[in-house]
Each structure stands twice: as C-alpha cells, then as structure tokens.
Amino acid sequence: MKTIKTISIALALVLFSGSAVKAQFNFFNAGIEDGMELFNAYATPWVKAFGTDLNGGWYNSAKPHKLGGFDITFTSSVTMIPEADRTMDLSKLTFNNLTVDPSGSTIAPTVAGSNKSGPDLTYIDNSTGTDVEITSFSSPQGSGLHYFPAPMIQAGVGLPKSTEIVLRYFPMMKIPSTNAKVGLWGVGLKHSVLQYFKKLDKLPMDVSVFAGYTSLSTTVAISVQPKDVLPSEYSENVNLVEYDLSDFQKQSVDVKTSGYNLSLIASTTLPVINVYGSLGYSNANTTVDILGPIPIPSLNIDDPLDPQPEVVDEGVQEIPGFEIENRSGLRTTIGLRLRLGVFSFHGDYTYDKYSVYTGGIGLSFR
C-alpha cells in the first residue's frame, strides 16, 4: 500500500453529522477519485439542506425599521430531505476502480438515509495490467435523520432612506464534546420599494428588496493514522520517510459554507396579525481544506502481488479548497407574523430545492 496526502472530502462528514471520523474510514479505502465520487453522492443531501438553511430566517416583514429602530430575533429553520434523496444507486456513479456486485441490490443510503450499511464495494487496481483486489468494504450507513435544523440569532437596525441592515454573528467557539470549532457571520440589507411609488403609499402593505449573505466556518482537529486505514499487518512497518506517527496527529479539516439570496418581499400592515411572502434567488456552496498527510490505500507498483505500505514524501502542507457543492435556484416563502407589543412570533414555509419550515421569536422597537 502507499500512504499519500490527499484531499478526501469524506472527512467533511464530521462537520455535518458529528459522527466519529473512524466511522467514515471506508471512504479512504476507495482511493482518491473514487472516494470523492462516493462521498459526493453520499453527502449531497445534507450539504444542500445546510445551504438552504443558511439562506433562511432573514425576515418576517417587508417593512424596514425606522431610523434607529431595532430588533433582536431568534429563528430556527428545519430543512426536510425528500425520500428520493435518502438513497443513491451505486451502479450509476462513475468509478475508476470500485465495483459493486450487479447481481444484488445497488441501492445504498445517503447520509440522510437509514442507519444501515449499503452493498459491498470492491477496490480493484489494474494499473499493472492485472486485476489486484486492494480491499472490499460496505458503503457507509446513513444517519437516520431526514431533516436538518439551523438555529440563528440576528439583529436588525433601521438606517436612513427606509433601509434596514440585518446582522448575524457567532464567534468562533469550540463545540462541547467534539474537536470542532464553529463561527458564523452574515449581513443583509432591506430597502423599501413603495417609497418610490407615492400613489401606493396608502396600501395596507409594504414591499421591499432584500439581499443577504451568510458565511459559516468550521475547523475540526483530526487524527488519521496508517493503522486506522491500512491493514494491520502493514501499518506497523510503514516507511515514514520524513514523517513519524505524531505527524498524523497534526491534521485538521477546515470547512467554509456560504450562502446568499436576493428577494422581493411583501407583507401586510395590520395591527396584530400579518402575512408575508417573498420570491427570490439563492445560492450556496461548500469548500474543504485538508491540513496534514491523510493515509489511503493504493497499489505498490514494485510488487503488485505483495503490496507494502509507504508514505509519499511530499511534506505537510495545506490542500487547496475543494468544492463539495454549488447550487442555486428560485426560492419562495409564505409566512404569518403575530405581534404583541414589543414581542413578535412568526412561522413560514419556504420551497428552495427542499422544503423548509422556519419559526422564531423577536423583540422589536420602532
């Protein structure tokens, strides 16, 4: 076997599921390209759901605050993952070396699927002209969770010209009982449209345009050693070259997810209960950076019938960002807002690739 430094996006799973890294080691057994192909199909439902959540919860009224007015609002969005995206067909994935037995079922769970392992996959190397089986493993089990929640705390402040700025912020903090740190920030602007149409000022409604951007950063400290990936009879005799085993404890995964949306918002202006809605465009993407050498199995060309583990001498350096997901599309929302004095309560439904349900409570002045 050779141990090589690579960007294996399988490690990003710990950022979305909180699962132990060891539970996802079979991605490494697929090699670099096949491992990424498998992970993309496996993780896409949660990545889509997370990006959808980031673009939600920005507003519950089209009316900007008056100058100096403000609110503090807590919201939580929950994205529902449909049945069709809870499984994947392994036979439809483009693998270079992985094969799945076509005589049995080729349907495997995605990360949003059942917590049962999928069909067995076999990694066969043919680089020497002869098929050599490197390893065989089951496709990973799902989380059993068909939804993805995302709580947010934000504040809106009224500016001149019927404009409001909305801010989201969460300082980089360690998540209890994990090796992960998470931080979030976002900024949005709401601007009244009806102020430019004086004849419509008397209508019992407000119309505004909104633009918002959210960025979430996560760093996870990991330790993936050869003994965790390579067969036990090889891992004790690794040729470390410039490495020793401690180098495999200086690894981390940095993940950045960002989302933005542009929307036209409308809401009624009744005293207590109001309806609001929007139509807009949203986009979200996720990138991963890997720091440190990551061991994965591959064929030792010197002796294909008796492979031995090695570590490629490439030094320890950052791998450039790899895009896991890039998605965009139309987003529509319809909701209801109840205001009781300075307190407000709201709930809405959004369709944006997936269905999203959002609820929240706010404290608002002016």
Foldseek 3Di string as FASTA:
>chain_A
DEFEFDDQCLVVVCVQQVDDSLLSLVLLQQPRPQSLLLQLLQCVQSLVQVQVQQADDQDDALFADAAFWKKKKKKKKKFFADPVSQKDQQVPTDGDFKDFPPVDGRIAGHQCHAQDWAGKIWGWDCPVVDTDTQDIDTHGGHPPHRMGMDMFIKMWHDDPQRKIKIKTWDDFDDDPPFQKTKIKIKMKMKHWDCVVVVVCVPAQKTKIKMKMKMKMKMKGQDAAACCSAPPVVFRVPEAAPPDDSVQSRRKMKMKMKMKMKIWMKMKGNDDFKIKIKIKIKMKMWMKMKIWTGHTGDDADVVDRVDGHYYYDPPDTDIDDIDISDIDMDMKMKIKMKGDDPQKIKIWIWMDDVTIMIMIMMMGIDD
